[in-house]
Amino acid sequence: MRRHPLLRVAALLSGLGAGMAAIGAITSPVEACRAPHPDARYAMEVLVDGRPLSVYASGGTSYVEALKGREYAIRLTNKTGERVAVALAVDGLNSIDAQHTSSRDARKWILAPWETVTLSGWQTSSGTARRFVFTSESNSYGSWLGRTSDLGVISAAFFREQRREDFAAQESPSAAPLSRQKSDAEGSVHGARERDLNQSKAVAKDELAATGIGREIEHRVVRVAFDEEDAPASIVSLRYEYHDALVRLGVLPACDDALARRERARGFDDSGFAPDPFRK
């Protein structure tokens, strides 16, 4: 581990004064998280109109269905008794500065013990953000920036805070440095994206989901000091696609095709009388 005394971007805590809340709006510390993940200590959800999208598991990857043209937010939850730093990447771009880096080198949000925060967009200044919105690849923020290698993925890497004894061991001449290895979880998102690429080749770019940069909103942030561990304690990742793409990938059943419709057909429907198209 190495000491990294740089200031990190933190959520503004509500109740600290007029206009000052810690990153995002804080909800109940015991708020339930519905996004399934083997590590119950941390969670990430994608919200539309304040409600979490359903998560579908397929082939070791978790998916949500994107809703074209709709704004969305990302809810992060720390269900532990210690502070954590969270690197949040949307389409491979850091939600704070839109840079494409490793999770270790990314700028991070700080969550207090048992804290839940909701992030609604890209942080464009210390007081403003621009909303996340589902759009096409060609209209995405990543396309505008010329960075399109990781469209369709939202990832949150949770880092624990280094303990004081860790600092002492690191500064000791006899302490051997720890090598930094890419975690399996961090690499799995890229592997899943490459695995699905061939299945999606026939889909036009405008039919594939990506995230655009939308309207400006007020979102005040402050910086705090935080020394994180070298490797994330957990990485939570979600793939998002529009309905048709999820059907093509086999994540959702093809319920709307003609044959499926005929399979649902029934001979009788006790609705009363035949409708008269000439009677208002």
C-alpha atoms as a PDB file:
ATOM      1  CA  MET A   1       0.000   0.000   0.000  1.00  0.00           C
ATOM      2  CA  ARG A   2       1.082   3.559  -0.502  1.00  0.00           C
ATOM      3  CA  ARG A   3      -0.011   6.685   1.191  1.00  0.00           C
ATOM      4  CA  HIS A   4      -1.925   8.893  -1.175  1.00  0.00           C
ATOM      5  CA  PRO A   5      -2.618  12.166   0.650  1.00  0.00           C
ATOM      6  CA  LEU A   6      -4.304  13.918  -2.278  1.00  0.00           C
ATOM      7  CA  LEU A   7      -7.666  15.493  -1.651  1.00  0.00           C
ATOM      8  CA  ARG A   8     -10.620  13.595  -3.001  1.00  0.00           C
ATOM      9  CA  VAL A   9     -13.956  14.970  -4.099  1.00  0.00           C
ATOM     10  CA  ALA A  10     -16.618  14.249  -1.513  1.00  0.00           C
ATOM     11  CA  ALA A  11     -20.364  14.457  -1.382  1.00  0.00           C
ATOM     12  CA  LEU A  12     -21.799  17.480   0.360  1.00  0.00           C
ATOM     13  CA  LEU A  13     -23.483  16.410   3.587  1.00  0.00           C
ATOM     14  CA  SER A  14     -27.023  17.652   4.009  1.00  0.00           C
ATOM     15  CA  GLY A  15     -27.531  19.605   7.198  1.00  0.00           C
ATOM     16  CA  LEU A  16     -24.088  21.250   7.183  1.00  0.00           C
ATOM     17  CA  GLY A  17     -25.528  24.633   6.324  1.00  0.00           C
ATOM     18  CA  ALA A  18     -27.312  26.482   3.566  1.00  0.00           C
ATOM     19  CA  GLY A  19     -26.374  24.975   0.216  1.00  0.00           C
ATOM     20  CA  MET A  20     -23.933  22.533   1.818  1.00  0.00           C
ATOM     21  CA  ALA A  21     -24.732  18.876   1.748  1.00  0.00           C
ATOM     22  CA  ALA A  22     -21.932  16.053   1.175  1.00  0.00           C
ATOM     23  CA  ILE A  23     -21.833  14.620  -2.342  1.00  0.00           C
ATOM     24  CA  GLY A  24     -25.325  14.043  -3.515  1.00  0.00           C
ATOM     25  CA  ALA A  25     -28.369  13.933  -1.320  1.00  0.00           C
ATOM     26  CA  ILE A  26     -28.105  11.637   1.673  1.00  0.00           C
ATOM     27  CA  THR A  27     -31.003   9.340   2.366  1.00  0.00           C
ATOM     28  CA  SER A  28     -31.660   6.952   5.228  1.00  0.00           C
ATOM     29  CA  PRO A  29     -28.488   5.141   6.383  1.00  0.00           C
ATOM     30  CA  VAL A  30     -30.400   1.855   6.478  1.00  0.00           C
ATOM     31  CA  GLU A  31     -31.979   2.271   3.047  1.00  0.00           C
ATOM     32  CA  ALA A  32     -32.371  -1.097   1.331  1.00  0.00           C
ATOM     33  CA  CYS A  33     -30.373  -1.829  -1.811  1.00  0.00           C
ATOM     34  CA  ARG A  34     -31.943  -4.033  -4.444  1.00  0.00           C
ATOM     35  CA  ALA A  35     -29.064  -4.485  -6.845  1.00  0.00           C
ATOM     36  CA  PRO A  36     -27.800  -8.047  -6.326  1.00  0.00           C
ATOM     37  CA  HIS A  37     -24.096  -8.447  -5.732  1.00  0.00           C
ATOM     38  CA  PRO A  38     -22.094 -11.051  -3.795  1.00  0.00           C
ATOM     39  CA  ASP A  39     -20.514  -8.330  -1.632  1.00  0.00           C
ATOM     40  CA  ALA A  40     -23.346  -7.132   0.602  1.00  0.00           C
ATOM     41  CA  ARG A  41     -21.247  -4.337   2.094  1.00  0.00           C
ATOM     42  CA  TYR A  42     -21.529  -2.084  -0.948  1.00  0.00           C
ATOM     43  CA  ALA A  43     -24.177  -1.555  -3.613  1.00  0.00           C
ATOM     44  CA  MET A  44     -24.975   0.440  -6.716  1.00  0.00           C
ATOM     45  CA  GLU A  45     -28.382   1.028  -8.311  1.00  0.00           C
ATOM     46  CA  VAL A  46     -29.516   2.845 -11.443  1.00  0.00           C
ATOM     47  CA  LEU A  47     -32.596   5.006 -10.794  1.00  0.00           C
ATOM     48  CA  VAL A  48     -35.169   6.430 -13.190  1.00  0.00           C
ATOM     49  CA  ASP A  49     -37.708   8.772 -11.581  1.00  0.00           C
ATOM     50  CA  GLY A  50     -36.260   7.770  -8.229  1.00  0.00           C
ATOM     51  CA  ARG A  51     -36.957   4.054  -8.698  1.00  0.00           C
ATOM     52  CA  PRO A  52     -34.257   1.403  -9.238  1.00  0.00           C
ATOM     53  CA  LEU A  53     -34.225  -0.411 -12.558  1.00  0.00           C
ATOM     54  CA  SER A  54     -34.596  -4.181 -12.399  1.00  0.00           C
ATOM     55  CA  VAL A  55     -31.331  -6.108 -12.654  1.00  0.00           C
ATOM     56  CA  TYR A  56     -31.044  -9.176 -14.900  1.00  0.00           C
ATOM     57  CA  ALA A  57     -28.228 -11.689 -14.525  1.00  0.00           C
ATOM     58  CA  SER A  58     -26.921 -13.453 -17.627  1.00  0.00           C
ATOM     59  CA  GLY A  59     -23.610 -15.174 -18.284  1.00  0.00           C
ATOM     60  CA  GLY A  60     -21.992 -13.760 -15.164  1.00  0.00           C
ATOM     61  CA  THR A  61     -22.931 -10.155 -16.080  1.00  0.00           C
ATOM     62  CA  SER A  62     -25.626  -7.960 -14.516  1.00  0.00           C
ATOM     63  CA  TYR A  63     -27.793  -5.925 -16.898  1.00  0.00           C
ATOM     64  CA  VAL A  64     -30.395  -3.163 -16.624  1.00  0.00           C
ATOM     65  CA  GLU A  65     -32.760  -2.030 -19.349  1.00  0.00           C
ATOM     66  CA  ALA A  66     -32.010   1.507 -20.530  1.00  0.00           C
ATOM     67  CA  LEU A  67     -34.972   3.758 -21.295  1.00  0.00           C
ATOM     68  CA  LYS A  68     -34.270   5.890 -24.362  1.00  0.00           C
ATOM     69  CA  GLY A  69     -34.269   9.624 -23.747  1.00  0.00           C
ATOM     70  CA  ARG A  70     -34.795   9.312 -19.991  1.00  0.00           C
ATOM     71  CA  GLU A  71     -32.616  10.917 -17.327  1.00  0.00           C
ATOM     72  CA  TYR A  72     -31.193   8.585 -14.707  1.00  0.00           C
ATOM     73  CA  ALA A  73     -29.212   8.689 -11.483  1.00  0.00           C
ATOM     74  CA  ILE A  74     -26.826   6.324  -9.715  1.00  0.00           C
ATOM     75  CA  ARG A  75     -27.290   5.448  -6.056  1.00  0.00           C
ATOM     76  CA  LEU A  76     -24.240   4.271  -4.099  1.00  0.00           C
ATOM     77  CA  THR A  77     -24.512   2.673  -0.676  1.00  0.00           C
ATOM     78  CA  ASN A  78     -21.880   1.968   1.967  1.00  0.00           C
ATOM     79  CA  LYS A  79     -23.278  -0.523   4.485  1.00  0.00           C
ATOM     80  CA  THR A  80     -20.170  -0.638   6.672  1.00  0.00           C
ATOM     81  CA  GLY A  81     -19.045   1.256   9.744  1.00  0.00           C
ATOM     82  CA  GLU A  82     -16.088   2.905   7.993  1.00  0.00           C
ATOM     83  CA  ARG A  83     -15.580   5.561   5.351  1.00  0.00           C
ATOM     84  CA  VAL A  84     -15.017   4.421   1.780  1.00  0.00           C
ATOM     85  CA  ALA A  85     -13.878   6.134  -1.413  1.00  0.00           C
ATOM     86  CA  VAL A  86     -15.801   5.269  -4.582  1.00  0.00           C
ATOM     87  CA  ALA A  87     -14.494   5.630  -8.122  1.00  0.00           C
ATOM     88  CA  LEU A  88     -17.585   5.867 -10.333  1.00  0.00           C
ATOM     89  CA  ALA A  89     -17.159   5.410 -14.088  1.00  0.00           C
ATOM     90  CA  VAL A  90     -19.975   5.798 -16.622  1.00  0.00           C
ATOM     91  CA  ASP A  91     -19.103   4.533 -20.108  1.00  0.00           C
ATOM     92  CA  GLY A  92     -15.511   4.270 -18.856  1.00  0.00           C
ATOM     93  CA  LEU A  93     -15.419   7.976 -17.945  1.00  0.00           C
ATOM     94  CA  ASN A  94     -14.972   9.170 -14.368  1.00  0.00           C
ATOM     95  CA  SER A  95     -18.141  10.910 -13.188  1.00  0.00           C
ATOM     96  CA  ILE A  96     -16.089  13.733 -11.628  1.00  0.00           C
ATOM     97  CA  ASP A  97     -13.633  14.705 -14.377  1.00  0.00           C
ATOM     98  CA  ALA A  98     -14.580  12.466 -17.370  1.00  0.00           C
ATOM     99  CA  GLN A  99     -11.074  10.971 -17.429  1.00  0.00           C
ATOM    100  CA  HIS A 100     -10.400   7.348 -18.375  1.00  0.00           C
ATOM    101  CA  THR A 101      -8.015   5.879 -15.772  1.00  0.00           C
ATOM    102  CA  SER A 102      -7.559   2.858 -13.540  1.00  0.00           C
ATOM    103  CA  SER A 103      -9.896   2.718 -10.558  1.00  0.00           C
ATOM    104  CA  ARG A 104      -6.934   3.328  -8.223  1.00  0.00           C
ATOM    105  CA  ASP A 105      -5.925   6.547  -9.971  1.00  0.00           C
ATOM    106  CA  ALA A 106      -9.469   7.859 -10.432  1.00  0.00           C
ATOM    107  CA  ARG A 107     -10.885  10.793  -8.502  1.00  0.00           C
ATOM    108  CA  LYS A 108     -13.373   9.526  -5.977  1.00  0.00           C
ATOM    109  CA  TRP A 109     -16.509  10.214  -4.012  1.00  0.00           C
ATOM    110  CA  ILE A 110     -16.299   9.770  -0.232  1.00  0.00           C
ATOM    111  CA  LEU A 111     -19.089   7.955   1.598  1.00  0.00           C
ATOM    112  CA  ALA A 112     -19.374   8.130   5.377  1.00  0.00           C
ATOM    113  CA  PRO A 113     -20.218   4.983   7.409  1.00  0.00           C
ATOM    114  CA  TRP A 114     -23.702   3.696   6.531  1.00  0.00           C
ATOM    115  CA  GLU A 115     -24.154   6.464   3.971  1.00  0.00           C
ATOM    116  CA  THR A 116     -26.219   6.416   0.793  1.00  0.00           C
ATOM    117  CA  VAL A 117     -25.718   9.066  -1.906  1.00  0.00           C
ATOM    118  CA  THR A 118     -27.412   9.625  -5.234  1.00  0.00           C
ATOM    119  CA  LEU A 119     -25.421  11.077  -8.125  1.00  0.00           C
ATOM    120  CA  SER A 120     -27.491  12.488 -10.964  1.00  0.00           C
ATOM    121  CA  GLY A 121     -24.867  13.571 -13.471  1.00  0.00           C
ATOM    122  CA  TRP A 122     -21.362  14.519 -14.536  1.00  0.00           C
ATOM    123  CA  GLN A 123     -19.710  16.936 -12.073  1.00  0.00           C
ATOM    124  CA  THR A 124     -18.854  19.951 -14.246  1.00  0.00           C
ATOM    125  CA  SER A 125     -17.783  22.349 -11.462  1.00  0.00           C
ATOM    126  CA  SER A 126     -17.722  22.584  -7.667  1.00  0.00           C
ATOM    127  CA  GLY A 127     -21.354  23.663  -7.735  1.00  0.00           C
ATOM    128  CA  THR A 128     -22.938  22.151 -10.858  1.00  0.00           C
ATOM    129  CA  ALA A 129     -23.490  18.849 -12.623  1.00  0.00           C
ATOM    130  CA  ARG A 130     -25.125  17.815 -15.899  1.00  0.00           C
ATOM    131  CA  ARG A 131     -27.650  15.012 -15.881  1.00  0.00           C
ATOM    132  CA  PHE A 132     -26.988  11.461 -17.021  1.00  0.00           C
ATOM    133  CA  VAL A 133     -29.377  10.647 -19.868  1.00  0.00           C
ATOM    134  CA  PHE A 134     -29.853   7.481 -21.914  1.00  0.00           C
ATOM    135  CA  THR A 135     -29.140   8.183 -25.572  1.00  0.00           C
ATOM    136  CA  SER A 136     -27.502   6.587 -28.624  1.00  0.00           C
ATOM    137  CA  GLU A 137     -23.802   5.959 -29.145  1.00  0.00           C
ATOM    138  CA  SER A 138     -23.531   8.759 -31.696  1.00  0.00           C
ATOM    139  CA  ASN A 139     -25.099  11.281 -29.284  1.00  0.00           C
ATOM    140  CA  SER A 140     -23.206  10.130 -26.199  1.00  0.00           C
ATOM    141  CA  TYR A 141     -20.849  12.185 -24.064  1.00  0.00           C
ATOM    142  CA  GLY A 142     -18.156   9.594 -24.761  1.00  0.00           C
ATOM    143  CA  SER A 143     -18.573  10.089 -28.510  1.00  0.00           C
ATOM    144  CA  TRP A 144     -18.264  13.866 -28.078  1.00  0.00           C
ATOM    145  CA  LEU A 145     -15.038  13.315 -26.121  1.00  0.00           C
ATOM    146  CA  GLY A 146     -13.760  10.744 -28.637  1.00  0.00           C
ATOM    147  CA  ARG A 147     -13.727   7.948 -26.034  1.00  0.00           C
ATOM    148  CA  THR A 148     -16.083   5.172 -27.065  1.00  0.00           C
ATOM    149  CA  SER A 149     -14.321   1.970 -25.991  1.00  0.00           C
ATOM    150  CA  ASP A 150     -16.458   1.367 -22.881  1.00  0.00           C
ATOM    151  CA  LEU A 151     -19.962   2.535 -23.763  1.00  0.00           C
ATOM    152  CA  GLY A 152     -22.794   0.737 -21.986  1.00  0.00           C
ATOM    153  CA  VAL A 153     -21.042   0.052 -18.666  1.00  0.00           C
ATOM    154  CA  ILE A 154     -21.434   1.657 -15.234  1.00  0.00           C
ATOM    155  CA  SER A 155     -18.843   0.636 -12.640  1.00  0.00           C
ATOM    156  CA  ALA A 156     -18.270   1.608  -9.017  1.00  0.00           C
ATOM    157  CA  ALA A 157     -15.004   0.630  -7.282  1.00  0.00           C
ATOM    158  CA  PHE A 158     -15.176   0.847  -3.478  1.00  0.00           C
ATOM    159  CA  PHE A 159     -11.905   1.504  -1.633  1.00  0.00           C
ATOM    160  CA  ARG A 160     -11.409   1.143   2.102  1.00  0.00           C
ATOM    161  CA  GLU A 161      -9.421   3.711   4.042  1.00  0.00           C
ATOM    162  CA  GLN A 162      -5.874   2.818   5.064  1.00  0.00           C
ATOM    163  CA  ARG A 163      -5.341   2.306   8.769  1.00  0.00           C
ATOM    164  CA  ARG A 164      -2.597   4.121  10.658  1.00  0.00           C
ATOM    165  CA  GLU A 165      -0.698   0.883  11.288  1.00  0.00           C
ATOM    166  CA  ASP A 166      -0.644   0.372   7.514  1.00  0.00           C
ATOM    167  CA  PHE A 167       1.156   3.691   7.125  1.00  0.00           C
ATOM    168  CA  ALA A 168       3.738   2.711   9.748  1.00  0.00           C
ATOM    169  CA  ALA A 169       4.400  -0.641   8.079  1.00  0.00           C
ATOM    170  CA  GLN A 170       4.751   1.022   4.710  1.00  0.00           C
ATOM    171  CA  GLU A 171       7.316   3.514   5.959  1.00  0.00           C
ATOM    172  CA  SER A 172       9.380   0.805   7.672  1.00  0.00           C
ATOM    173  CA  PRO A 173      12.594  -0.156   5.729  1.00  0.00           C
ATOM    174  CA  SER A 174      11.813  -3.839   6.254  1.00  0.00           C
ATOM    175  CA  ALA A 175       8.333  -3.622   4.797  1.00  0.00           C
ATOM    176  CA  ALA A 176       8.152  -5.109   1.296  1.00  0.00           C
ATOM    177  CA  PRO A 177       6.037  -3.134  -1.172  1.00  0.00           C
ATOM    178  CA  LEU A 178       2.846  -4.797  -2.281  1.00  0.00           C
ATOM    179  CA  SER A 179       2.486  -5.373  -5.992  1.00  0.00           C
ATOM    180  CA  ARG A 180      -0.608  -3.924  -7.617  1.00  0.00           C
ATOM    181  CA  GLN A 181      -2.589  -6.497  -9.551  1.00  0.00           C
ATOM    182  CA  LYS A 182      -5.601  -5.950 -11.713  1.00  0.00           C
ATOM    183  CA  SER A 183      -8.558  -7.493  -9.893  1.00  0.00           C
ATOM    184  CA  ASP A 184     -10.700 -10.124 -11.572  1.00  0.00           C
ATOM    185  CA  ALA A 185     -13.781  -7.962 -11.003  1.00  0.00           C
ATOM    186  CA  GLU A 186     -12.185  -4.983 -12.695  1.00  0.00           C
ATOM    187  CA  GLY A 187     -11.303  -7.002 -15.773  1.00  0.00           C
ATOM    188  CA  SER A 188     -14.614  -8.846 -16.005  1.00  0.00           C
ATOM    189  CA  VAL A 189     -16.508  -5.814 -17.323  1.00  0.00           C
ATOM    190  CA  HIS A 190     -14.211  -5.485 -20.324  1.00  0.00           C
ATOM    191  CA  GLY A 191     -14.331  -9.229 -20.895  1.00  0.00           C
ATOM    192  CA  ALA A 192     -18.122  -9.224 -20.915  1.00  0.00           C
ATOM    193  CA  ARG A 193     -18.187  -6.276 -23.298  1.00  0.00           C
ATOM    194  CA  GLU A 194     -15.858  -8.043 -25.742  1.00  0.00           C
ATOM    195  CA  ARG A 195     -17.808 -11.288 -25.423  1.00  0.00           C
ATOM    196  CA  ASP A 196     -21.039  -9.567 -26.406  1.00  0.00           C
ATOM    197  CA  LEU A 197     -19.509  -7.482 -29.183  1.00  0.00           C
ATOM    198  CA  ASN A 198     -19.908 -10.115 -31.883  1.00  0.00           C
ATOM    199  CA  GLN A 199     -23.550 -10.647 -30.943  1.00  0.00           C
ATOM    200  CA  SER A 200     -24.209  -6.908 -31.263  1.00  0.00           C
ATOM    201  CA  LYS A 201     -22.458  -6.295 -34.577  1.00  0.00           C
ATOM    202  CA  ALA A 202     -25.687  -6.428 -36.537  1.00  0.00           C
ATOM    203  CA  VAL A 203     -27.252  -3.704 -34.372  1.00  0.00           C
ATOM    204  CA  ALA A 204     -26.905  -0.159 -35.696  1.00  0.00           C
ATOM    205  CA  LYS A 205     -25.072   2.303 -33.450  1.00  0.00           C
ATOM    206  CA  ASP A 206     -28.185   4.403 -32.984  1.00  0.00           C
ATOM    207  CA  GLU A 207     -29.942   1.344 -31.536  1.00  0.00           C
ATOM    208  CA  LEU A 208     -27.324   0.840 -28.814  1.00  0.00           C
ATOM    209  CA  ALA A 209     -27.555   2.630 -25.487  1.00  0.00           C
ATOM    210  CA  ALA A 210     -24.989   5.092 -24.197  1.00  0.00           C
ATOM    211  CA  THR A 211     -25.002   8.030 -21.785  1.00  0.00           C
ATOM    212  CA  GLY A 212     -25.331  11.630 -22.850  1.00  0.00           C
ATOM    213  CA  ILE A 213     -24.657  14.843 -20.945  1.00  0.00           C
ATOM    214  CA  GLY A 214     -27.946  16.596 -20.224  1.00  0.00           C
ATOM    215  CA  ARG A 215     -29.355  19.624 -18.487  1.00  0.00           C
ATOM    216  CA  GLU A 216     -27.440  21.476 -15.788  1.00  0.00           C
ATOM    217  CA  ILE A 217     -28.400  21.057 -12.139  1.00  0.00           C
ATOM    218  CA  GLU A 218     -27.014  22.399  -8.870  1.00  0.00           C
ATOM    219  CA  HIS A 219     -24.716  19.936  -7.116  1.00  0.00           C
ATOM    220  CA  ARG A 220     -22.259  21.395  -4.631  1.00  0.00           C
ATOM    221  CA  VAL A 221     -19.172  19.432  -3.617  1.00  0.00           C
ATOM    222  CA  VAL A 222     -16.208  19.893  -1.264  1.00  0.00           C
ATOM    223  CA  ARG A 223     -12.819  18.186  -1.050  1.00  0.00           C
ATOM    224  CA  VAL A 224     -11.711  16.027   1.852  1.00  0.00           C
ATOM    225  CA  ALA A 225      -8.507  14.135   2.640  1.00  0.00           C
ATOM    226  CA  PHE A 226      -8.641  10.371   2.236  1.00  0.00           C
ATOM    227  CA  ASP A 227      -5.903   7.698   2.025  1.00  0.00           C
ATOM    228  CA  GLU A 228      -7.289   4.636   0.285  1.00  0.00           C
ATOM    229  CA  GLU A 229      -5.907   1.133   0.060  1.00  0.00           C
ATOM    230  CA  ASP A 230      -4.131   0.177  -3.152  1.00  0.00           C
ATOM    231  CA  ALA A 231      -6.796  -2.260  -4.364  1.00  0.00           C
ATOM    232  CA  PRO A 232     -10.575  -1.912  -4.266  1.00  0.00           C
ATOM    233  CA  ALA A 233     -12.481  -3.913  -1.670  1.00  0.00           C
ATOM    234  CA  SER A 234     -15.281  -4.430  -4.183  1.00  0.00           C
ATOM    235  CA  ILE A 235     -16.255  -3.486  -7.734  1.00  0.00           C
ATOM    236  CA  VAL A 236     -19.923  -3.382  -8.720  1.00  0.00           C
ATOM    237  CA  SER A 237     -20.638  -3.191 -12.452  1.00  0.00           C
ATOM    238  CA  LEU A 238     -23.816  -3.006 -14.515  1.00  0.00           C
ATOM    239  CA  ARG A 239     -24.235  -3.301 -18.276  1.00  0.00           C
ATOM    240  CA  TYR A 240     -27.115  -1.335 -19.754  1.00  0.00           C
ATOM    241  CA  GLU A 241     -28.783  -1.803 -23.131  1.00  0.00           C
ATOM    242  CA  TYR A 242     -32.114  -1.003 -24.755  1.00  0.00           C
ATOM    243  CA  HIS A 243     -34.802  -3.671 -24.778  1.00  0.00           C
ATOM    244  CA  ASP A 244     -34.159  -4.955 -28.306  1.00  0.00           C
ATOM    245  CA  ALA A 245     -30.437  -5.365 -27.617  1.00  0.00           C
ATOM    246  CA  LEU A 246     -31.149  -7.270 -24.401  1.00  0.00           C
ATOM    247  CA  VAL A 247     -33.409  -9.605 -26.372  1.00  0.00           C
ATOM    248  CA  ARG A 248     -30.699 -10.156 -29.009  1.00  0.00           C
ATOM    249  CA  LEU A 249     -28.190 -10.926 -26.242  1.00  0.00           C
ATOM    250  CA  GLY A 250     -30.578 -13.481 -24.727  1.00  0.00           C
ATOM    251  CA  VAL A 251     -30.907 -11.506 -21.490  1.00  0.00           C
ATOM    252  CA  LEU A 252     -34.646 -10.906 -22.015  1.00  0.00           C
ATOM    253  CA  PRO A 253     -37.081 -13.251 -23.768  1.00  0.00           C
ATOM    254  CA  ALA A 254     -38.406 -12.257 -27.182  1.00  0.00           C
ATOM    255  CA  CYS A 255     -41.959 -11.808 -25.925  1.00  0.00           C
ATOM    256  CA  ASP A 256     -43.101  -9.387 -28.607  1.00  0.00           C
ATOM    257  CA  ASP A 257     -42.408 -11.331 -31.770  1.00  0.00           C
ATOM    258  CA  ALA A 258     -45.275 -12.727 -33.854  1.00  0.00           C
ATOM    259  CA  LEU A 259     -44.741 -16.377 -32.908  1.00  0.00           C
ATOM    260  CA  ALA A 260     -44.644 -15.573 -29.181  1.00  0.00           C
ATOM    261  CA  ARG A 261     -47.847 -13.536 -29.589  1.00  0.00           C
ATOM    262  CA  ARG A 262     -49.563 -16.479 -31.244  1.00  0.00           C
ATOM    263  CA  GLU A 263     -48.420 -18.779 -28.444  1.00  0.00           C
ATOM    264  CA  ARG A 264     -50.232 -16.523 -25.979  1.00  0.00           C
ATOM    265  CA  ALA A 265     -53.469 -16.576 -28.025  1.00  0.00           C
ATOM    266  CA  ARG A 266     -56.621 -17.926 -26.391  1.00  0.00           C
ATOM    267  CA  GLY A 267     -59.967 -18.770 -28.000  1.00  0.00           C
ATOM    268  CA  PHE A 268     -62.321 -17.029 -25.603  1.00  0.00           C
ATOM    269  CA  ASP A 269     -62.456 -13.696 -23.850  1.00  0.00           C
ATOM    270  CA  ASP A 270     -65.661 -13.012 -21.903  1.00  0.00           C
ATOM    271  CA  SER A 271     -65.752  -9.278 -22.553  1.00  0.00           C
ATOM    272  CA  GLY A 272     -69.452  -8.961 -23.421  1.00  0.00           C
ATOM    273  CA  PHE A 273     -70.553  -7.906 -26.923  1.00  0.00           C
ATOM    274  CA  ALA A 274     -68.788  -7.227 -30.214  1.00  0.00           C
ATOM    275  CA  PRO A 275     -67.584  -3.606 -30.424  1.00  0.00           C
ATOM    276  CA  ASP A 276     -69.360  -1.420 -32.997  1.00  0.00           C
ATOM    277  CA  PRO A 277     -66.862   0.802 -34.845  1.00  0.00           C
ATOM    278  CA  PHE A 278     -69.734   3.067 -36.055  1.00  0.00           C
ATOM    279  CA  ARG A 279     -71.128   3.755 -32.585  1.00  0.00           C
ATOM    280  CA  LYS A 280     -69.397   6.424 -30.495  1.00  0.00           C
END
